[in-house]
Amino acid sequence: MCRNIRPLFNFEPPATDDEVHAAALQYVRKVSGTRKPSGSNVGSFERAIAEIARATRTLVDSLETTAPPKNRETEAAKARERSAHRYRVVR
């Protein structure tokens, strides 16, 4: 999975449409192998992003869990801590 695609399910507040669109954009970029499509492929690129965003929104909205919603700030702090540990400088 692309590192820039973040989990969207079970957060409080729920994932925004912008977050869903960003995940779809990253997915299409990864699958297509390009960050920016050539002129003739822009339409296909944009349609794919829209379709994947719709499917992602449907999926996220339909999932169920008994786990309490995660806090975005707490999860971000955990990610920063993991990153600091992973990339710590050894002297």
C-alpha atoms as a PDB file:
ATOM      1  CA  MET A   1       0.000   0.000   0.000  1.00  0.00           C
ATOM      2  CA  CYS A   2       1.139   3.513  -0.696  1.00  0.00           C
ATOM      3  CA  ARG A   3       2.487   5.106   2.471  1.00  0.00           C
ATOM      4  CA  ASN A   4       0.441   8.267   1.924  1.00  0.00           C
ATOM      5  CA  ILE A   5      -2.871   6.424   2.029  1.00  0.00           C
ATOM      6  CA  ARG A   6      -4.106   6.582   5.606  1.00  0.00           C
ATOM      7  CA  PRO A   7      -6.739   4.429   7.287  1.00  0.00           C
ATOM      8  CA  LEU A   8     -10.105   6.187   7.068  1.00  0.00           C
ATOM      9  CA  PHE A   9     -12.396   3.909   9.045  1.00  0.00           C
ATOM     10  CA  ASN A  10     -13.445   4.290  12.681  1.00  0.00           C
ATOM     11  CA  PHE A  11     -12.198   7.792  13.419  1.00  0.00           C
ATOM     12  CA  GLU A  12     -13.925  10.564  15.274  1.00  0.00           C
ATOM     13  CA  PRO A  13     -14.779  12.752  13.485  1.00  0.00           C
ATOM     14  CA  PRO A  14     -15.393  10.534  10.437  1.00  0.00           C
ATOM     15  CA  ALA A  15     -13.242  10.807   7.316  1.00  0.00           C
ATOM     16  CA  THR A  16     -13.983  13.862   5.222  1.00  0.00           C
ATOM     17  CA  ASP A  17     -14.630  13.832   1.495  1.00  0.00           C
ATOM     18  CA  ASP A  18     -11.244  15.538   1.041  1.00  0.00           C
ATOM     19  CA  GLU A  19      -9.501  12.681   2.867  1.00  0.00           C
ATOM     20  CA  VAL A  20     -11.343  10.111   0.760  1.00  0.00           C
ATOM     21  CA  HIS A  21     -10.411  11.996  -2.439  1.00  0.00           C
ATOM     22  CA  ALA A  22      -6.750  12.226  -1.347  1.00  0.00           C
ATOM     23  CA  ALA A  23      -6.641   8.469  -0.744  1.00  0.00           C
ATOM     24  CA  ALA A  24      -8.198   7.813  -4.160  1.00  0.00           C
ATOM     25  CA  LEU A  25      -5.699  10.160  -5.818  1.00  0.00           C
ATOM     26  CA  GLN A  26      -2.761   8.388  -4.156  1.00  0.00           C
ATOM     27  CA  TYR A  27      -4.128   5.004  -5.198  1.00  0.00           C
ATOM     28  CA  VAL A  28      -4.551   6.058  -8.839  1.00  0.00           C
ATOM     29  CA  ARG A  29      -1.073   7.583  -8.878  1.00  0.00           C
ATOM     30  CA  LYS A  30       0.410   4.370  -7.509  1.00  0.00           C
ATOM     31  CA  VAL A  31      -1.461   2.067  -9.886  1.00  0.00           C
ATOM     32  CA  SER A  32      -0.847   4.229 -12.962  1.00  0.00           C
ATOM     33  CA  GLY A  33       2.794   4.828 -12.111  1.00  0.00           C
ATOM     34  CA  THR A  34       2.499   8.535 -12.722  1.00  0.00           C
ATOM     35  CA  ARG A  35       1.990  11.574 -10.576  1.00  0.00           C
ATOM     36  CA  LYS A  36       0.527  13.627 -13.402  1.00  0.00           C
ATOM     37  CA  PRO A  37      -1.027  12.034 -16.494  1.00  0.00           C
ATOM     38  CA  SER A  38      -0.317  13.182 -20.037  1.00  0.00           C
ATOM     39  CA  GLY A  39      -2.944  15.376 -21.681  1.00  0.00           C
ATOM     40  CA  SER A  40      -4.708  12.509 -23.427  1.00  0.00           C
ATOM     41  CA  ASN A  41      -5.020  10.561 -20.160  1.00  0.00           C
ATOM     42  CA  VAL A  42      -6.312  13.307 -17.855  1.00  0.00           C
ATOM     43  CA  GLY A  43      -9.964  12.327 -18.342  1.00  0.00           C
ATOM     44  CA  SER A  44      -9.313   8.671 -17.566  1.00  0.00           C
ATOM     45  CA  PHE A  45      -7.214   9.638 -14.555  1.00  0.00           C
ATOM     46  CA  GLU A  46      -9.930  11.943 -13.157  1.00  0.00           C
ATOM     47  CA  ARG A  47     -12.712   9.391 -13.781  1.00  0.00           C
ATOM     48  CA  ALA A  48     -10.718   6.716 -11.964  1.00  0.00           C
ATOM     49  CA  ILE A  49     -10.183   9.037  -8.981  1.00  0.00           C
ATOM     50  CA  ALA A  50     -13.904   9.848  -8.808  1.00  0.00           C
ATOM     51  CA  GLU A  51     -14.961   6.187  -9.073  1.00  0.00           C
ATOM     52  CA  ILE A  52     -12.466   5.043  -6.453  1.00  0.00           C
ATOM     53  CA  ALA A  53     -13.469   7.880  -4.121  1.00  0.00           C
ATOM     54  CA  ARG A  54     -17.148   6.845  -4.432  1.00  0.00           C
ATOM     55  CA  ALA A  55     -16.301   3.197  -3.758  1.00  0.00           C
ATOM     56  CA  THR A  56     -14.109   4.177  -0.813  1.00  0.00           C
ATOM     57  CA  ARG A  57     -16.829   6.365   0.703  1.00  0.00           C
ATOM     58  CA  THR A  58     -19.372   3.545   0.300  1.00  0.00           C
ATOM     59  CA  LEU A  59     -16.990   1.081   1.936  1.00  0.00           C
ATOM     60  CA  VAL A  60     -16.027   3.319   4.863  1.00  0.00           C
ATOM     61  CA  ASP A  61     -19.646   4.286   5.510  1.00  0.00           C
ATOM     62  CA  SER A  62     -20.858   0.677   5.449  1.00  0.00           C
ATOM     63  CA  LEU A  63     -18.227  -0.881   7.720  1.00  0.00           C
ATOM     64  CA  GLU A  64     -19.231  -1.713  11.275  1.00  0.00           C
ATOM     65  CA  THR A  65     -17.206  -2.247  14.417  1.00  0.00           C
ATOM     66  CA  THR A  66     -17.704  -2.570  18.140  1.00  0.00           C
ATOM     67  CA  ALA A  67     -14.369  -0.846  18.819  1.00  0.00           C
ATOM     68  CA  PRO A  68     -14.531   2.728  20.034  1.00  0.00           C
ATOM     69  CA  PRO A  69     -13.615   5.385  17.441  1.00  0.00           C
ATOM     70  CA  LYS A  70      -9.942   6.343  17.304  1.00  0.00           C
ATOM     71  CA  ASN A  71      -8.802   9.865  18.044  1.00  0.00           C
ATOM     72  CA  ARG A  72      -6.944  11.442  15.114  1.00  0.00           C
ATOM     73  CA  GLU A  73      -4.517  13.395  17.293  1.00  0.00           C
ATOM     74  CA  THR A  74      -3.648  10.350  19.400  1.00  0.00           C
ATOM     75  CA  GLU A  75      -3.079   8.205  16.298  1.00  0.00           C
ATOM     76  CA  ALA A  76      -0.920  10.942  14.724  1.00  0.00           C
ATOM     77  CA  ALA A  77       1.185  11.135  17.893  1.00  0.00           C
ATOM     78  CA  LYS A  78       1.659   7.349  17.827  1.00  0.00           C
ATOM     79  CA  ALA A  79       2.743   7.535  14.172  1.00  0.00           C
ATOM     80  CA  ARG A  80       5.265  10.288  14.963  1.00  0.00           C
ATOM     81  CA  GLU A  81       6.643   8.196  17.811  1.00  0.00           C
ATOM     82  CA  ARG A  82       6.999   5.121  15.559  1.00  0.00           C
ATOM     83  CA  SER A  83       8.704   7.260  12.922  1.00  0.00           C
ATOM     84  CA  ALA A  84      11.104   8.794  15.438  1.00  0.00           C
ATOM     85  CA  HIS A  85      11.985   5.312  16.692  1.00  0.00           C
ATOM     86  CA  ARG A  86      12.394   3.943  13.170  1.00  0.00           C
ATOM     87  CA  TYR A  87      14.602   6.797  11.958  1.00  0.00           C
ATOM     88  CA  ARG A  88      16.445   7.605  15.171  1.00  0.00           C
ATOM     89  CA  VAL A  89      20.014   8.690  14.772  1.00  0.00           C
ATOM     90  CA  VAL A  90      22.530   6.416  16.461  1.00  0.00           C
ATOM     91  CA  ARG A  91      25.641   8.221  17.582  1.00  0.00           C
END
